[in-house]
């Protein structure tokens, strides 16, 4: 059973992972929209759309890396096992 301190730490960890997931999810959606704009663009607007897409892709990659690092840190921690984190109520 998780004691009060572990539950608090687990809740914080789950919150951080959830925030990182939401950041990645939003960055992925922005990346998809930028890709569509680039594919449908013409002339100068296509060149600008490519730059927007490249920047969105960089943000998506960075947010995915952050999410992965948080997940690995939580998975490797003896104090906050991921199995416990998955069972914390909102």
PDB file of N, CA and C in Angstrom:
ATOM      1  N   UNK A   1       0.834  -1.176   0.000  1.00  0.00           N
ATOM      2  CA  UNK A   1       0.000   0.000   0.000  1.00  0.00           C
ATOM      3  C   UNK A   1       0.884   1.247   0.000  1.00  0.00           C
ATOM      4  N   UNK A   2       0.413   2.291  -0.604  1.00  0.00           N
ATOM      5  CA  UNK A   2       1.148   3.537  -0.715  1.00  0.00           C
ATOM      6  C   UNK A   2       0.843   4.394   0.508  1.00  0.00           C
ATOM      7  N   UNK A   3       1.899   4.855   1.208  1.00  0.00           N
ATOM      8  CA  UNK A   3       1.627   5.733   2.344  1.00  0.00           C
ATOM      9  C   UNK A   3       1.407   7.161   1.841  1.00  0.00           C
ATOM     10  N   UNK A   4       1.056   8.063   2.759  1.00  0.00           N
ATOM     11  CA  UNK A   4       0.689   9.437   2.405  1.00  0.00           C
ATOM     12  C   UNK A   4       1.816  10.148   1.651  1.00  0.00           C
ATOM     13  N   UNK A   5       3.061   9.994   2.083  1.00  0.00           N
ATOM     14  CA  UNK A   5       4.190  10.646   1.429  1.00  0.00           C
ATOM     15  C   UNK A   5       4.383  10.102   0.024  1.00  0.00           C
ATOM     16  N   UNK A   6       4.343   8.789  -0.117  1.00  0.00           N
ATOM     17  CA  UNK A   6       4.479   8.190  -1.441  1.00  0.00           C
ATOM     18  C   UNK A   6       3.339   8.619  -2.357  1.00  0.00           C
ATOM     19  N   UNK A   7       2.133   8.694  -1.814  1.00  0.00           N
ATOM     20  CA  UNK A   7       0.985   9.102  -2.628  1.00  0.00           C
ATOM     21  C   UNK A   7       1.159  10.532  -3.115  1.00  0.00           C
ATOM     22  N   UNK A   8       1.679  11.407  -2.254  1.00  0.00           N
ATOM     23  CA  UNK A   8       1.916  12.788  -2.661  1.00  0.00           C
ATOM     24  C   UNK A   8       2.965  12.886  -3.742  1.00  0.00           C
ATOM     25  N   UNK A   9       4.046  12.149  -3.571  1.00  0.00           N
ATOM     26  CA  UNK A   9       5.103  12.131  -4.573  1.00  0.00           C
ATOM     27  C   UNK A   9       4.594  11.534  -5.875  1.00  0.00           C
ATOM     28  N   UNK A  10       3.825  10.483  -5.753  1.00  0.00           N
ATOM     29  CA  UNK A  10       3.255   9.841  -6.942  1.00  0.00           C
ATOM     30  C   UNK A  10       2.324  10.799  -7.669  1.00  0.00           C
ATOM     31  N   UNK A  11       1.507  11.533  -6.923  1.00  0.00           N
ATOM     32  CA  UNK A  11       0.585  12.484  -7.531  1.00  0.00           C
ATOM     33  C   UNK A  11       1.350  13.568  -8.285  1.00  0.00           C
ATOM     34  N   UNK A  12       2.433  14.059  -7.694  1.00  0.00           N
ATOM     35  CA  UNK A  12       3.257  15.069  -8.369  1.00  0.00           C
ATOM     36  C   UNK A  12       3.863  14.486  -9.635  1.00  0.00           C
ATOM     37  N   UNK A  13       4.386  13.261  -9.534  1.00  0.00           N
ATOM     38  CA  UNK A  13       4.990  12.615 -10.691  1.00  0.00           C
ATOM     39  C   UNK A  13       3.974  12.414 -11.809  1.00  0.00           C
ATOM     40  N   UNK A  14       2.799  11.936 -11.449  1.00  0.00           N
ATOM     41  CA  UNK A  14       1.747  11.738 -12.447  1.00  0.00           C
ATOM     42  C   UNK A  14       1.372  13.073 -13.075  1.00  0.00           C
ATOM     43  N   UNK A  15       1.299  14.122 -12.264  1.00  0.00           N
ATOM     44  CA  UNK A  15       0.986  15.450 -12.793  1.00  0.00           C
ATOM     45  C   UNK A  15       2.028  15.929 -13.780  1.00  0.00           C
ATOM     46  N   UNK A  16       3.299  15.712 -13.471  1.00  0.00           N
ATOM     47  CA  UNK A  16       4.368  16.114 -14.383  1.00  0.00           C
ATOM     48  C   UNK A  16       4.309  15.324 -15.685  1.00  0.00           C
ATOM     49  N   UNK A  17       4.083  14.030 -15.578  1.00  0.00           N
ATOM     50  CA  UNK A  17       3.985  13.200 -16.778  1.00  0.00           C
ATOM     51  C   UNK A  17       2.767  13.605 -17.604  1.00  0.00           C
ATOM     52  N   UNK A  18       1.656  13.879 -16.932  1.00  0.00           N
ATOM     53  CA  UNK A  18       0.447  14.303 -17.644  1.00  0.00           C
ATOM     54  C   UNK A  18       0.671  15.633 -18.361  1.00  0.00           C
ATOM     55  N   UNK A  19       1.324  16.578 -17.693  1.00  0.00           N
ATOM     56  CA  UNK A  19       1.627  17.862 -18.333  1.00  0.00           C
ATOM     57  C   UNK A  19       2.536  17.674 -19.545  1.00  0.00           C
ATOM     58  N   UNK A  20       3.536  16.816 -19.401  1.00  0.00           N
ATOM     59  CA  UNK A  20       4.453  16.551 -20.514  1.00  0.00           C
ATOM     60  C   UNK A  20       3.722  15.879 -21.668  1.00  0.00           C
ATOM     61  N   UNK A  21       2.797  14.971 -21.340  1.00  0.00           N
ATOM     62  CA  UNK A  21       2.018  14.310 -22.389  1.00  0.00           C
ATOM     63  C   UNK A  21       1.146  15.326 -23.125  1.00  0.00           C
ATOM     64  N   UNK A  22       0.491  16.202 -22.377  1.00  0.00           N
ATOM     65  CA  UNK A  22      -0.364  17.228 -23.006  1.00  0.00           C
ATOM     66  C   UNK A  22       0.466  18.160 -23.887  1.00  0.00           C
ATOM     67  N   UNK A  23       1.672  18.523 -23.436  1.00  0.00           N
ATOM     68  CA  UNK A  23       2.552  19.369 -24.241  1.00  0.00           C
ATOM     69  C   UNK A  23       2.939  18.657 -25.533  1.00  0.00           C
ATOM     70  N   UNK A  24       3.275  17.376 -25.424  1.00  0.00           N
ATOM     71  CA  UNK A  24       3.621  16.613 -26.630  1.00  0.00           C
ATOM     72  C   UNK A  24       2.417  16.483 -27.562  1.00  0.00           C
ATOM     73  N   UNK A  25       1.253  16.188 -26.995  1.00  0.00           N
ATOM     74  CA  UNK A  25       0.038  16.012 -27.798  1.00  0.00           C
ATOM     75  C   UNK A  25      -0.270  17.284 -28.575  1.00  0.00           C
ATOM     76  N   UNK A  26      -0.184  18.433 -27.909  1.00  0.00           N
ATOM     77  CA  UNK A  26      -0.449  19.706 -28.578  1.00  0.00           C
ATOM     78  C   UNK A  26       0.607  20.022 -29.635  1.00  0.00           C
ATOM     79  N   UNK A  27       1.867  19.732 -29.325  1.00  0.00           N
ATOM     80  CA  UNK A  27       2.938  19.973 -30.292  1.00  0.00           C
ATOM     81  C   UNK A  27       2.766  19.081 -31.514  1.00  0.00           C
ATOM     82  N   UNK A  28       2.329  17.853 -31.298  1.00  0.00           N
ATOM     83  CA  UNK A  28       2.094  16.941 -32.430  1.00  0.00           C
ATOM     84  C   UNK A  28       0.963  17.456 -33.304  1.00  0.00           C
ATOM     85  N   UNK A  29      -0.098  17.963 -32.691  1.00  0.00           N
ATOM     86  CA  UNK A  29      -1.223  18.505 -33.454  1.00  0.00           C
ATOM     87  C   UNK A  29      -0.792  19.734 -34.259  1.00  0.00           C
ATOM     88  N   UNK A  30       0.006  20.608 -33.643  1.00  0.00           N
ATOM     89  CA  UNK A  30       0.519  21.784 -34.349  1.00  0.00           C
ATOM     90  C   UNK A  30       1.422  21.364 -35.509  1.00  0.00           C
ATOM     91  N   UNK A  31       2.192  20.332 -35.298  1.00  0.00           N
ATOM     92  CA  UNK A  31       3.080  19.820 -36.337  1.00  0.00           C
ATOM     93  C   UNK A  31       2.263  19.299 -37.525  1.00  0.00           C
ATOM     94  N   UNK A  32       1.194  18.586 -37.219  1.00  0.00           N
ATOM     95  CA  UNK A  32       0.331  18.071 -38.282  1.00  0.00           C
ATOM     96  C   UNK A  32      -0.312  19.205 -39.079  1.00  0.00           C
ATOM     97  N   UNK A  33      -0.787  20.228 -38.383  1.00  0.00           N
ATOM     98  CA  UNK A  33      -1.394  21.370 -39.078  1.00  0.00           C
ATOM     99  C   UNK A  33      -0.364  22.097 -39.937  1.00  0.00           C
ATOM    100  N   UNK A  34       0.850  22.262 -39.416  1.00  0.00           N
ATOM    101  CA  UNK A  34       1.902  22.929 -40.179  1.00  0.00           C
ATOM    102  C   UNK A  34       2.284  22.114 -41.415  1.00  0.00           C
ATOM    103  N   UNK A  35       2.300  20.798 -41.286  1.00  0.00           N
ATOM    104  CA  UNK A  35       2.602  19.942 -42.431  1.00  0.00           C
ATOM    105  C   UNK A  35       1.531  20.095 -43.507  1.00  0.00           C
ATOM    106  N   UNK A  36       0.275  20.141 -43.100  1.00  0.00           N
ATOM    107  CA  UNK A  36      -0.814  20.318 -44.076  1.00  0.00           C
ATOM    108  C   UNK A  36      -0.692  21.661 -44.796  1.00  0.00           C
ATOM    109  N   UNK A  37      -0.350  22.705 -44.037  1.00  0.00           N
ATOM    110  CA  UNK A  37      -0.177  24.032 -44.639  1.00  0.00           C
ATOM    111  C   UNK A  37       0.969  24.026 -45.642  1.00  0.00           C
ATOM    112  N   UNK A  38       2.041  23.359 -45.291  1.00  0.00           N
ATOM    113  CA  UNK A  38       3.189  23.283 -46.190  1.00  0.00           C
ATOM    114  C   UNK A  38       2.807  22.526 -47.466  1.00  0.00           C
ATOM    115  N   UNK A  39       2.128  21.413 -47.316  1.00  0.00           N
ATOM    116  CA  UNK A  39       1.750  20.607 -48.482  1.00  0.00           C
ATOM    117  C   UNK A  39       0.774  21.331 -49.396  1.00  0.00           C
ATOM    118  N   UNK A  40      -0.072  22.160 -48.821  1.00  0.00           N
ATOM    119  CA  UNK A  40      -1.077  22.853 -49.645  1.00  0.00           C
ATOM    120  C   UNK A  40      -0.621  24.242 -50.086  1.00  0.00           C
ATOM    121  N   UNK A  41       0.538  24.686 -49.621  1.00  0.00           N
ATOM    122  CA  UNK A  41       1.022  26.023 -49.963  1.00  0.00           C
ATOM    123  C   UNK A  41       1.567  26.098 -51.375  1.00  0.00           C
ATOM    124  N   UNK A  42       1.677  27.332 -51.842  1.00  0.00           N
ATOM    125  CA  UNK A  42       2.246  27.586 -53.166  1.00  0.00           C
ATOM    126  C   UNK A  42       3.169  28.799 -53.080  1.00  0.00           C
ATOM    127  N   UNK A  43       4.151  28.840 -53.941  1.00  0.00           N
ATOM    128  CA  UNK A  43       5.045  29.991 -54.030  1.00  0.00           C
ATOM    129  C   UNK A  43       5.750  30.309 -52.723  1.00  0.00           C
ATOM    130  N   UNK A  44       5.795  31.626 -52.425  1.00  0.00           N
ATOM    131  CA  UNK A  44       6.473  32.093 -51.214  1.00  0.00           C
ATOM    132  C   UNK A  44       5.816  31.565 -49.943  1.00  0.00           C
ATOM    133  N   UNK A  45       4.490  31.411 -49.989  1.00  0.00           N
ATOM    134  CA  UNK A  45       3.804  30.918 -48.790  1.00  0.00           C
ATOM    135  C   UNK A  45       4.231  29.488 -48.468  1.00  0.00           C
ATOM    136  N   UNK A  46       4.583  28.734 -49.494  1.00  0.00           N
ATOM    137  CA  UNK A  46       5.046  27.356 -49.267  1.00  0.00           C
ATOM    138  C   UNK A  46       6.390  27.353 -48.550  1.00  0.00           C
ATOM    139  N   UNK A  47       7.270  28.283 -48.917  1.00  0.00           N
ATOM    140  CA  UNK A  47       8.571  28.364 -48.255  1.00  0.00           C
ATOM    141  C   UNK A  47       8.400  28.734 -46.789  1.00  0.00           C
ATOM    142  N   UNK A  48       7.545  29.698 -46.502  1.00  0.00           N
ATOM    143  CA  UNK A  48       7.282  30.076 -45.113  1.00  0.00           C
ATOM    144  C   UNK A  48       6.603  28.936 -44.356  1.00  0.00           C
ATOM    145  N   UNK A  49       5.715  28.237 -45.029  1.00  0.00           N
ATOM    146  CA  UNK A  49       5.027  27.107 -44.399  1.00  0.00           C
ATOM    147  C   UNK A  49       6.021  26.005 -44.049  1.00  0.00           C
ATOM    148  N   UNK A  50       7.030  25.818 -44.890  1.00  0.00           N
ATOM    149  CA  UNK A  50       8.063  24.828 -44.578  1.00  0.00           C
ATOM    150  C   UNK A  50       8.814  25.212 -43.305  1.00  0.00           C
ATOM    151  N   UNK A  51       9.159  26.498 -43.191  1.00  0.00           N
ATOM    152  CA  UNK A  51       9.871  26.958 -41.993  1.00  0.00           C
ATOM    153  C   UNK A  51       9.000  26.782 -40.752  1.00  0.00           C
ATOM    154  N   UNK A  52       7.703  27.049 -40.873  1.00  0.00           N
ATOM    155  CA  UNK A  52       6.773  26.831 -39.761  1.00  0.00           C
ATOM    156  C   UNK A  52       6.723  25.343 -39.397  1.00  0.00           C
ATOM    157  N   UNK A  53       6.693  24.496 -40.410  1.00  0.00           N
ATOM    158  CA  UNK A  53       6.653  23.055 -40.169  1.00  0.00           C
ATOM    159  C   UNK A  53       7.931  22.586 -39.478  1.00  0.00           C
ATOM    160  N   UNK A  54       9.083  23.047 -39.961  1.00  0.00           N
ATOM    161  CA  UNK A  54      10.355  22.639 -39.360  1.00  0.00           C
ATOM    162  C   UNK A  54      10.412  23.049 -37.884  1.00  0.00           C
ATOM    163  N   UNK A  55       9.937  24.253 -37.575  1.00  0.00           N
ATOM    164  CA  UNK A  55       9.923  24.714 -36.179  1.00  0.00           C
ATOM    165  C   UNK A  55       8.949  23.874 -35.350  1.00  0.00           C
ATOM    166  N   UNK A  56       7.778  23.567 -35.909  1.00  0.00           N
ATOM    167  CA  UNK A  56       6.790  22.742 -35.199  1.00  0.00           C
ATOM    168  C   UNK A  56       7.341  21.340 -34.966  1.00  0.00           C
ATOM    169  N   UNK A  57       8.053  20.815 -35.924  1.00  0.00           N
ATOM    170  CA  UNK A  57       8.657  19.487 -35.782  1.00  0.00           C
ATOM    171  C   UNK A  57       9.710  19.489 -34.675  1.00  0.00           C
ATOM    172  N   UNK A  58      10.498  20.549 -34.603  1.00  0.00           N
ATOM    173  CA  UNK A  58      11.490  20.666 -33.530  1.00  0.00           C
ATOM    174  C   UNK A  58      10.806  20.702 -32.158  1.00  0.00           C
ATOM    175  N   UNK A  59       9.699  21.456 -32.045  1.00  0.00           N
ATOM    176  CA  UNK A  59       8.967  21.524 -30.777  1.00  0.00           C
ATOM    177  C   UNK A  59       8.372  20.162 -30.409  1.00  0.00           C
ATOM    178  N   UNK A  60       7.844  19.458 -31.406  1.00  0.00           N
ATOM    179  CA  UNK A  60       7.259  18.138 -31.146  1.00  0.00           C
ATOM    180  C   UNK A  60       8.330  17.168 -30.679  1.00  0.00           C
ATOM    181  N   UNK A  61       9.476  17.202 -31.326  1.00  0.00           N
ATOM    182  CA  UNK A  61      10.575  16.316 -30.944  1.00  0.00           C
ATOM    183  C   UNK A  61      11.056  16.619 -29.524  1.00  0.00           C
ATOM    184  N   UNK A  62      11.189  17.896 -29.199  1.00  0.00           N
ATOM    185  CA  UNK A  62      11.647  18.285 -27.857  1.00  0.00           C
ATOM    186  C   UNK A  62      10.642  17.860 -26.794  1.00  0.00           C
ATOM    187  N   UNK A  63       9.366  18.032 -27.074  1.00  0.00           N
ATOM    188  CA  UNK A  63       8.360  17.641 -26.086  1.00  0.00           C
ATOM    189  C   UNK A  63       8.286  16.126 -25.942  1.00  0.00           C
ATOM    190  N   UNK A  64       8.498  15.402 -27.014  1.00  0.00           N
ATOM    191  CA  UNK A  64       8.530  13.934 -26.935  1.00  0.00           C
ATOM    192  C   UNK A  64       9.721  13.476 -26.103  1.00  0.00           C
ATOM    193  N   UNK A  65      10.853  14.130 -26.277  1.00  0.00           N
ATOM    194  CA  UNK A  65      12.050  13.795 -25.499  1.00  0.00           C
ATOM    195  C   UNK A  65      11.816  14.075 -24.010  1.00  0.00           C
ATOM    196  N   UNK A  66      11.179  15.208 -23.700  1.00  0.00           N
ATOM    197  CA  UNK A  66      10.868  15.532 -22.297  1.00  0.00           C
ATOM    198  C   UNK A  66       9.958  14.478 -21.678  1.00  0.00           C
ATOM    199  N   UNK A  67       8.923  14.097 -22.428  1.00  0.00           N
ATOM    200  CA  UNK A  67       7.992  13.081 -21.941  1.00  0.00           C
ATOM    201  C   UNK A  67       8.710  11.765 -21.689  1.00  0.00           C
ATOM    202  N   UNK A  68       9.558  11.363 -22.613  1.00  0.00           N
ATOM    203  CA  UNK A  68      10.306  10.117 -22.455  1.00  0.00           C
ATOM    204  C   UNK A  68      11.206  10.171 -21.222  1.00  0.00           C
ATOM    205  N   UNK A  69      11.889  11.278 -21.013  1.00  0.00           N
ATOM    206  CA  UNK A  69      12.784  11.404 -19.862  1.00  0.00           C
ATOM    207  C   UNK A  69      12.012  11.321 -18.548  1.00  0.00           C
ATOM    208  N   UNK A  70      10.868  11.985 -18.467  1.00  0.00           N
ATOM    209  CA  UNK A  70      10.056  11.912 -17.251  1.00  0.00           C
ATOM    210  C   UNK A  70       9.549  10.492 -17.017  1.00  0.00           C
ATOM    211  N   UNK A  71       9.106   9.847 -18.073  1.00  0.00           N
ATOM    212  CA  UNK A  71       8.592   8.480 -17.943  1.00  0.00           C
ATOM    213  C   UNK A  71       9.688   7.531 -17.473  1.00  0.00           C
ATOM    214  N   UNK A  72      10.873   7.662 -18.054  1.00  0.00           N
ATOM    215  CA  UNK A  72      11.990   6.793 -17.641  1.00  0.00           C
ATOM    216  C   UNK A  72      12.391   7.066 -16.196  1.00  0.00           C
ATOM    217  N   UNK A  73      12.420   8.340 -15.809  1.00  0.00           N
ATOM    218  CA  UNK A  73      12.780   8.681 -14.434  1.00  0.00           C
ATOM    219  C   UNK A  73      11.769   8.082 -13.461  1.00  0.00           C
ATOM    220  N   UNK A  74      10.493   8.156 -13.799  1.00  0.00           N
ATOM    221  CA  UNK A  74       9.456   7.585 -12.937  1.00  0.00           C
ATOM    222  C   UNK A  74       9.544   6.063 -12.928  1.00  0.00           C
ATOM    223  N   UNK A  75       9.846   5.474 -14.060  1.00  0.00           N
ATOM    224  CA  UNK A  75       9.945   4.015 -14.153  1.00  0.00           C
ATOM    225  C   UNK A  75      11.141   3.476 -13.383  1.00  0.00           C
ATOM    226  N   UNK A  76      12.234   4.242 -13.362  1.00  0.00           N
ATOM    227  CA  UNK A  76      13.458   3.802 -12.704  1.00  0.00           C
ATOM    228  C   UNK A  76      13.472   4.093 -11.212  1.00  0.00           C
ATOM    229  N   UNK A  77      12.553   4.927 -10.741  1.00  0.00           N
ATOM    230  CA  UNK A  77      12.554   5.338  -9.344  1.00  0.00           C
ATOM    231  C   UNK A  77      12.012   4.247  -8.433  1.00  0.00           C
ATOM    232  N   UNK A  78      12.721   4.010  -7.324  1.00  0.00           N
ATOM    233  CA  UNK A  78      12.229   3.072  -6.320  1.00  0.00           C
ATOM    234  C   UNK A  78      11.117   3.698  -5.491  1.00  0.00           C
ATOM    235  N   UNK A  79      11.116   5.026  -5.419  1.00  0.00           N
ATOM    236  CA  UNK A  79      10.139   5.722  -4.588  1.00  0.00           C
ATOM    237  C   UNK A  79       8.783   5.851  -5.275  1.00  0.00           C
ATOM    238  N   UNK A  80       8.785   5.977  -6.575  1.00  0.00           N
ATOM    239  CA  UNK A  80       7.539   6.208  -7.296  1.00  0.00           C
ATOM    240  C   UNK A  80       7.430   5.259  -8.477  1.00  0.00           C
ATOM    241  N   UNK A  81       7.116   4.007  -8.220  1.00  0.00           N
ATOM    242  CA  UNK A  81       6.954   3.069  -9.329  1.00  0.00           C
ATOM    243  C   UNK A  81       5.810   3.488 -10.244  1.00  0.00           C
ATOM    244  N   UNK A  82       5.981   3.249 -11.508  1.00  0.00           N
ATOM    245  CA  UNK A  82       4.958   3.620 -12.480  1.00  0.00           C
ATOM    246  C   UNK A  82       3.655   2.907 -12.182  1.00  0.00           C
ATOM    247  N   UNK A  83       3.722   1.674 -11.707  1.00  0.00           N
ATOM    248  CA  UNK A  83       2.495   0.943 -11.379  1.00  0.00           C
ATOM    249  C   UNK A  83       1.690   1.688 -10.324  1.00  0.00           C
ATOM    250  N   UNK A  84       2.366   2.285  -9.341  1.00  0.00           N
ATOM    251  CA  UNK A  84       1.662   3.079  -8.341  1.00  0.00           C
ATOM    252  C   UNK A  84       1.117   4.352  -8.968  1.00  0.00           C
ATOM    253  N   UNK A  85       1.890   4.974  -9.828  1.00  0.00           N
ATOM    254  CA  UNK A  85       1.469   6.209 -10.466  1.00  0.00           C
ATOM    255  C   UNK A  85       0.204   6.010 -11.293  1.00  0.00           C
ATOM    256  N   UNK A  86       0.083   4.857 -11.889  1.00  0.00           N
ATOM    257  CA  UNK A  86      -1.087   4.580 -12.721  1.00  0.00           C
ATOM    258  C   UNK A  86      -2.335   4.373 -11.887  1.00  0.00           C
ATOM    259  N   UNK A  87      -2.199   4.132 -10.590  1.00  0.00           N
ATOM    260  CA  UNK A  87      -3.342   3.872  -9.734  1.00  0.00           C
ATOM    261  C   UNK A  87      -3.765   5.069  -8.903  1.00  0.00           C
ATOM    262  N   UNK A  88      -3.129   6.207  -9.067  1.00  0.00           N
ATOM    263  CA  UNK A  88      -3.478   7.390  -8.280  1.00  0.00           C
ATOM    264  C   UNK A  88      -4.741   8.013  -8.848  1.00  0.00           C
ATOM    265  N   UNK A  89      -5.697   8.263  -7.985  1.00  0.00           N
ATOM    266  CA  UNK A  89      -6.941   8.907  -8.423  1.00  0.00           C
ATOM    267  C   UNK A  89      -6.700  10.385  -8.628  1.00  0.00           C
ATOM    268  N   UNK A  90      -7.430  10.966  -9.578  1.00  0.00           N
ATOM    269  CA  UNK A  90      -7.289  12.416  -9.840  1.00  0.00           C
ATOM    270  C   UNK A  90      -7.776  13.218  -8.677  1.00  0.00           C
TER     271      UNK A  90
END
